[in-house]
Amino acid sequence: MHPLDALADPVRRRLLELLAPGERPAGALVAAVGAEFAISQPATSRHLRVLREAGLVTSTARGPVRLYAVRPEGLDVVGDWVARVRAAWEPRLDALATEVARGRRATDRPEEHP
């Protein structure tokens, strides 16, 4: 699955947010999203599997605990896409901001009467 497709789901986006500060055990992730989204442990595990298969997270077994972490390289695909879209729109948005500023200046001037 493509990383952007994986991020289409709010549960998976939330899981990434929870992992942003650093590695966390699966149990903590299950508890957090289970409470927030009212989903089961198996459902959370499926979401984590999708994130892993999309290359967005890694998982490591440490004894009986499975630890998950963000895979920064997986987020590069998302960042590159955002950069391409932003590059296409920034000049247009800058031009719009200029026109809005010109319009404000024109309305702020006192009218001159002949």
N, C-alpha and C. Protein backbone atom coordinates (compact mmCIF):
# COMPACT_ATOMS: atom_id res chain seq x y z
N MET A 1 0.85 -1.18 0.00
CA MET A 1 0.00 0.00 0.00
C MET A 1 0.90 1.24 0.00
N HIS A 2 0.50 2.24 -0.76
CA HIS A 2 1.24 3.51 -0.81
C HIS A 2 1.06 4.25 0.53
N PRO A 3 2.10 4.92 1.00
CA PRO A 3 1.99 5.63 2.28
C PRO A 3 0.81 6.61 2.36
N LEU A 4 0.53 7.31 1.28
CA LEU A 4 -0.61 8.25 1.31
C LEU A 4 -1.93 7.51 1.46
N ASP A 5 -2.05 6.35 0.85
CA ASP A 5 -3.27 5.54 1.02
C ASP A 5 -3.40 5.09 2.47
N ALA A 6 -2.28 4.69 3.06
CA ALA A 6 -2.30 4.25 4.46
C ALA A 6 -2.73 5.39 5.38
N LEU A 7 -2.34 6.61 5.05
CA LEU A 7 -2.66 7.75 5.90
C LEU A 7 -4.07 8.30 5.68
N ALA A 8 -4.81 7.69 4.77
CA ALA A 8 -6.19 8.13 4.53
C ALA A 8 -7.09 7.82 5.72
N ASP A 9 -6.68 6.91 6.56
CA ASP A 9 -7.50 6.50 7.70
C ASP A 9 -7.11 7.29 8.95
N PRO A 10 -8.09 7.87 9.66
CA PRO A 10 -7.77 8.68 10.85
C PRO A 10 -7.12 7.88 11.98
N VAL A 11 -7.43 6.61 12.10
CA VAL A 11 -6.80 5.80 13.15
C VAL A 11 -5.31 5.67 12.86
N ARG A 12 -4.96 5.43 11.60
CA ARG A 12 -3.55 5.28 11.25
C ARG A 12 -2.80 6.60 11.40
N ARG A 13 -3.45 7.70 11.05
CA ARG A 13 -2.81 9.01 11.26
C ARG A 13 -2.55 9.23 12.76
N ARG A 14 -3.53 8.86 13.58
CA ARG A 14 -3.37 9.02 15.03
C ARG A 14 -2.25 8.14 15.57
N LEU A 15 -2.15 6.92 15.06
CA LEU A 15 -1.06 6.04 15.48
C LEU A 15 0.29 6.68 15.18
N LEU A 16 0.43 7.28 14.01
CA LEU A 16 1.68 7.95 13.69
C LEU A 16 1.94 9.13 14.63
N GLU A 17 0.89 9.87 14.96
CA GLU A 17 1.05 10.98 15.91
C GLU A 17 1.53 10.46 17.26
N LEU A 18 0.97 9.35 17.69
CA LEU A 18 1.38 8.76 18.98
C LEU A 18 2.82 8.28 18.94
N LEU A 19 3.29 7.88 17.77
CA LEU A 19 4.66 7.38 17.64
C LEU A 19 5.66 8.49 17.35
N ALA A 20 5.20 9.69 17.03
CA ALA A 20 6.11 10.78 16.68
C ALA A 20 7.17 11.06 17.75
N PRO A 21 6.81 11.07 19.03
CA PRO A 21 7.84 11.35 20.04
C PRO A 21 8.87 10.23 20.19
N GLY A 22 8.53 9.02 19.76
CA GLY A 22 9.47 7.92 19.88
C GLY A 22 8.77 6.58 19.97
N GLU A 23 9.57 5.56 20.08
CA GLU A 23 9.12 4.17 20.13
C GLU A 23 8.11 3.94 21.26
N ARG A 24 7.08 3.14 20.94
CA ARG A 24 6.06 2.82 21.97
C ARG A 24 5.65 1.37 21.84
N PRO A 25 5.28 0.75 22.96
CA PRO A 25 4.83 -0.64 22.91
C PRO A 25 3.44 -0.74 22.29
N ALA A 26 3.18 -1.86 21.64
CA ALA A 26 1.89 -2.09 20.99
C ALA A 26 0.75 -1.92 21.99
N GLY A 27 0.93 -2.40 23.20
CA GLY A 27 -0.13 -2.30 24.21
C GLY A 27 -0.54 -0.87 24.49
N ALA A 28 0.42 0.04 24.54
CA ALA A 28 0.11 1.45 24.78
C ALA A 28 -0.66 2.04 23.59
N LEU A 29 -0.29 1.62 22.40
CA LEU A 29 -0.99 2.10 21.19
C LEU A 29 -2.41 1.57 21.15
N VAL A 30 -2.56 0.29 21.49
CA VAL A 30 -3.89 -0.32 21.52
C VAL A 30 -4.78 0.40 22.52
N ALA A 31 -4.24 0.69 23.70
CA ALA A 31 -5.03 1.38 24.72
C ALA A 31 -5.42 2.78 24.27
N ALA A 32 -4.49 3.50 23.67
CA ALA A 32 -4.75 4.88 23.26
C ALA A 32 -5.81 4.96 22.16
N VAL A 33 -5.60 4.22 21.07
CA VAL A 33 -6.58 4.32 19.97
C VAL A 33 -7.85 3.56 20.30
N GLY A 34 -7.75 2.53 21.13
CA GLY A 34 -8.95 1.82 21.56
C GLY A 34 -9.90 2.74 22.29
N ALA A 35 -9.34 3.56 23.19
CA ALA A 35 -10.16 4.50 23.95
C ALA A 35 -10.68 5.63 23.07
N GLU A 36 -9.83 6.11 22.18
CA GLU A 36 -10.19 7.26 21.34
C GLU A 36 -11.17 6.90 20.23
N PHE A 37 -10.99 5.73 19.61
CA PHE A 37 -11.80 5.36 18.45
C PHE A 37 -12.74 4.19 18.72
N ALA A 38 -12.71 3.67 19.92
CA ALA A 38 -13.55 2.52 20.30
C ALA A 38 -13.34 1.34 19.35
N ILE A 39 -12.05 0.98 19.16
CA ILE A 39 -11.75 -0.18 18.32
C ILE A 39 -11.01 -1.23 19.16
N SER A 40 -11.05 -2.46 18.70
CA SER A 40 -10.47 -3.58 19.44
C SER A 40 -8.96 -3.70 19.21
N GLN A 41 -8.36 -4.57 19.99
CA GLN A 41 -6.93 -4.86 19.82
C GLN A 41 -6.65 -5.45 18.44
N PRO A 42 -7.46 -6.42 17.95
CA PRO A 42 -7.19 -6.94 16.61
C PRO A 42 -7.32 -5.86 15.52
N ALA A 43 -8.26 -4.95 15.68
CA ALA A 43 -8.41 -3.87 14.69
C ALA A 43 -7.19 -2.96 14.71
N THR A 44 -6.70 -2.64 15.91
CA THR A 44 -5.50 -1.80 16.02
C THR A 44 -4.31 -2.52 15.40
N SER A 45 -4.20 -3.80 15.63
CA SER A 45 -3.11 -4.59 15.05
C SER A 45 -3.15 -4.55 13.53
N ARG A 46 -4.35 -4.60 12.96
CA ARG A 46 -4.48 -4.52 11.50
C ARG A 46 -4.01 -3.15 11.00
N HIS A 47 -4.37 -2.09 11.71
CA HIS A 47 -3.92 -0.76 11.32
C HIS A 47 -2.39 -0.64 11.39
N LEU A 48 -1.82 -1.19 12.44
CA LEU A 48 -0.36 -1.17 12.57
C LEU A 48 0.30 -1.97 11.45
N ARG A 49 -0.31 -3.09 11.07
CA ARG A 49 0.23 -3.89 9.96
C ARG A 49 0.21 -3.09 8.66
N VAL A 50 -0.88 -2.36 8.41
CA VAL A 50 -0.97 -1.54 7.19
C VAL A 50 0.14 -0.49 7.20
N LEU A 51 0.34 0.17 8.35
CA LEU A 51 1.41 1.17 8.44
C LEU A 51 2.78 0.55 8.21
N ARG A 52 2.98 -0.65 8.73
CA ARG A 52 4.25 -1.35 8.54
C ARG A 52 4.45 -1.72 7.07
N GLU A 53 3.41 -2.26 6.44
CA GLU A 53 3.51 -2.65 5.04
C GLU A 53 3.69 -1.45 4.11
N ALA A 54 3.18 -0.29 4.53
CA ALA A 54 3.34 0.93 3.73
C ALA A 54 4.71 1.57 3.97
N GLY A 55 5.49 1.00 4.87
CA GLY A 55 6.83 1.51 5.14
C GLY A 55 6.87 2.72 6.06
N LEU A 56 5.78 2.96 6.79
CA LEU A 56 5.71 4.13 7.67
C LEU A 56 6.17 3.86 9.10
N VAL A 57 6.09 2.60 9.54
CA VAL A 57 6.54 2.25 10.88
C VAL A 57 7.35 0.96 10.83
N THR A 58 8.13 0.76 11.88
CA THR A 58 8.84 -0.49 12.06
C THR A 58 8.34 -1.12 13.35
N SER A 59 8.52 -2.41 13.46
CA SER A 59 8.18 -3.09 14.71
C SER A 59 9.32 -4.02 15.08
N THR A 60 9.59 -4.08 16.38
CA THR A 60 10.65 -4.91 16.91
C THR A 60 10.13 -5.65 18.12
N ALA A 61 10.42 -6.94 18.18
CA ALA A 61 10.05 -7.71 19.36
C ALA A 61 11.17 -7.59 20.39
N ARG A 62 10.78 -7.20 21.59
CA ARG A 62 11.73 -7.13 22.70
C ARG A 62 11.12 -7.94 23.83
N GLY A 63 11.50 -9.21 23.88
CA GLY A 63 10.88 -10.12 24.83
C GLY A 63 9.42 -10.30 24.44
N PRO A 64 8.51 -10.20 25.40
CA PRO A 64 7.10 -10.38 25.09
C PRO A 64 6.43 -9.12 24.52
N VAL A 65 7.21 -8.04 24.42
CA VAL A 65 6.64 -6.75 23.99
C VAL A 65 7.05 -6.45 22.55
N ARG A 66 6.08 -5.97 21.78
CA ARG A 66 6.36 -5.52 20.41
C ARG A 66 6.38 -4.00 20.43
N LEU A 67 7.52 -3.43 20.00
CA LEU A 67 7.69 -1.98 19.99
C LEU A 67 7.55 -1.45 18.57
N TYR A 68 6.85 -0.34 18.45
CA TYR A 68 6.65 0.31 17.16
C TYR A 68 7.34 1.66 17.16
N ALA A 69 7.83 2.05 15.99
CA ALA A 69 8.48 3.35 15.83
C ALA A 69 8.20 3.87 14.42
N VAL A 70 8.22 5.17 14.28
CA VAL A 70 8.07 5.79 12.96
C VAL A 70 9.32 5.49 12.15
N ARG A 71 9.12 5.20 10.89
CA ARG A 71 10.22 5.01 9.95
C ARG A 71 10.33 6.29 9.13
N PRO A 72 11.27 7.18 9.47
CA PRO A 72 11.34 8.50 8.82
C PRO A 72 11.41 8.44 7.30
N GLU A 73 12.10 7.44 6.77
CA GLU A 73 12.22 7.33 5.31
C GLU A 73 10.85 7.14 4.66
N GLY A 74 9.95 6.47 5.36
CA GLY A 74 8.60 6.27 4.83
C GLY A 74 7.84 7.58 4.71
N LEU A 75 8.13 8.50 5.62
CA LEU A 75 7.47 9.80 5.57
C LEU A 75 8.03 10.69 4.47
N ASP A 76 9.23 10.36 3.96
CA ASP A 76 9.80 11.15 2.87
C ASP A 76 8.89 11.16 1.64
N VAL A 77 8.24 10.04 1.37
CA VAL A 77 7.32 9.96 0.23
C VAL A 77 6.19 10.97 0.40
N VAL A 78 5.67 11.06 1.61
CA VAL A 78 4.59 12.00 1.92
C VAL A 78 5.11 13.43 1.80
N GLY A 79 6.27 13.70 2.39
CA GLY A 79 6.86 15.03 2.33
C GLY A 79 7.15 15.48 0.91
N ASP A 80 7.65 14.56 0.09
CA ASP A 80 7.93 14.90 -1.32
C ASP A 80 6.66 15.27 -2.05
N TRP A 81 5.59 14.53 -1.81
CA TRP A 81 4.32 14.84 -2.47
C TRP A 81 3.81 16.21 -2.04
N VAL A 82 3.86 16.47 -0.73
CA VAL A 82 3.41 17.77 -0.22
C VAL A 82 4.25 18.89 -0.83
N ALA A 83 5.56 18.70 -0.94
CA ALA A 83 6.43 19.72 -1.52
C ALA A 83 6.07 20.00 -2.98
N ARG A 84 5.75 18.96 -3.74
CA ARG A 84 5.37 19.16 -5.15
C ARG A 84 4.07 19.95 -5.26
N VAL A 85 3.10 19.60 -4.44
CA VAL A 85 1.82 20.32 -4.47
C VAL A 85 2.01 21.76 -4.02
N ARG A 86 2.77 21.94 -2.96
CA ARG A 86 3.01 23.29 -2.43
C ARG A 86 3.74 24.14 -3.48
N ALA A 87 4.71 23.57 -4.17
CA ALA A 87 5.47 24.31 -5.19
C ALA A 87 4.56 24.79 -6.31
N ALA A 88 3.55 23.99 -6.64
CA ALA A 88 2.62 24.38 -7.69
C ALA A 88 1.69 25.50 -7.24
N TRP A 89 1.35 25.53 -5.96
CA TRP A 89 0.37 26.50 -5.47
C TRP A 89 0.96 27.75 -4.85
N GLU A 90 2.17 27.70 -4.32
CA GLU A 90 2.72 28.87 -3.63
C GLU A 90 2.77 30.13 -4.48
N PRO A 91 3.22 30.06 -5.75
CA PRO A 91 3.23 31.30 -6.55
C PRO A 91 1.82 31.88 -6.73
N ARG A 92 0.86 31.02 -6.90
CA ARG A 92 -0.52 31.49 -7.07
C ARG A 92 -1.05 32.13 -5.79
N LEU A 93 -0.76 31.50 -4.66
CA LEU A 93 -1.21 32.06 -3.38
C LEU A 93 -0.49 33.37 -3.06
N ASP A 94 0.79 33.46 -3.42
CA ASP A 94 1.52 34.71 -3.22
C ASP A 94 0.91 35.82 -4.07
N ALA A 95 0.58 35.50 -5.31
CA ALA A 95 -0.05 36.49 -6.20
C ALA A 95 -1.40 36.93 -5.65
N LEU A 96 -2.16 36.01 -5.13
CA LEU A 96 -3.45 36.34 -4.53
C LEU A 96 -3.26 37.26 -3.33
N ALA A 97 -2.29 36.95 -2.48
CA ALA A 97 -2.03 37.80 -1.32
C ALA A 97 -1.65 39.21 -1.74
N THR A 98 -0.87 39.33 -2.81
CA THR A 98 -0.50 40.65 -3.33
C THR A 98 -1.73 41.42 -3.79
N GLU A 99 -2.61 40.74 -4.52
CA GLU A 99 -3.83 41.40 -5.01
C GLU A 99 -4.75 41.80 -3.86
N VAL A 100 -4.85 40.98 -2.86
CA VAL A 100 -5.69 41.31 -1.69
C VAL A 100 -5.10 42.54 -0.99
N ALA A 101 -3.78 42.57 -0.83
CA ALA A 101 -3.13 43.72 -0.20
C ALA A 101 -3.36 44.99 -1.01
N ARG A 102 -3.26 44.89 -2.33
CA ARG A 102 -3.53 46.05 -3.18
C ARG A 102 -4.96 46.54 -3.02
N GLY A 103 -5.88 45.60 -2.95
CA GLY A 103 -7.28 45.96 -2.77
C GLY A 103 -7.51 46.66 -1.44
N ARG A 104 -6.84 46.20 -0.40
CA ARG A 104 -6.97 46.85 0.92
C ARG A 104 -6.41 48.25 0.90
N ARG A 105 -5.25 48.41 0.25
CA ARG A 105 -4.65 49.74 0.18
C ARG A 105 -5.56 50.69 -0.59
N ALA A 106 -6.18 50.19 -1.64
CA ALA A 106 -7.07 51.04 -2.44
C ALA A 106 -8.29 51.46 -1.65
N THR A 107 -8.81 50.60 -0.81
CA THR A 107 -10.01 50.95 -0.03
C THR A 107 -9.66 51.77 1.20
N ASP A 108 -8.39 51.73 1.63
CA ASP A 108 -7.97 52.51 2.80
C ASP A 108 -7.68 53.96 2.48
N ARG A 109 -7.45 54.27 1.19
CA ARG A 109 -7.16 55.65 0.79
C ARG A 109 -8.43 56.48 0.85
N PRO A 110 -8.29 57.71 1.34
CA PRO A 110 -9.47 58.60 1.29
C PRO A 110 -9.80 58.95 -0.15
N GLU A 111 -11.06 59.01 -0.41
CA GLU A 111 -11.49 59.34 -1.78
C GLU A 111 -11.19 60.80 -2.07
N GLU A 112 -10.69 61.01 -3.27
CA GLU A 112 -10.43 62.39 -3.70
C GLU A 112 -11.62 62.87 -4.51
N HIS A 113 -12.07 64.10 -4.23
CA HIS A 113 -13.19 64.67 -4.96
C HIS A 113 -12.66 65.81 -5.81
N PRO A 114 -13.04 65.86 -7.07
CA PRO A 114 -12.56 66.95 -7.93
C PRO A 114 -13.17 68.28 -7.60
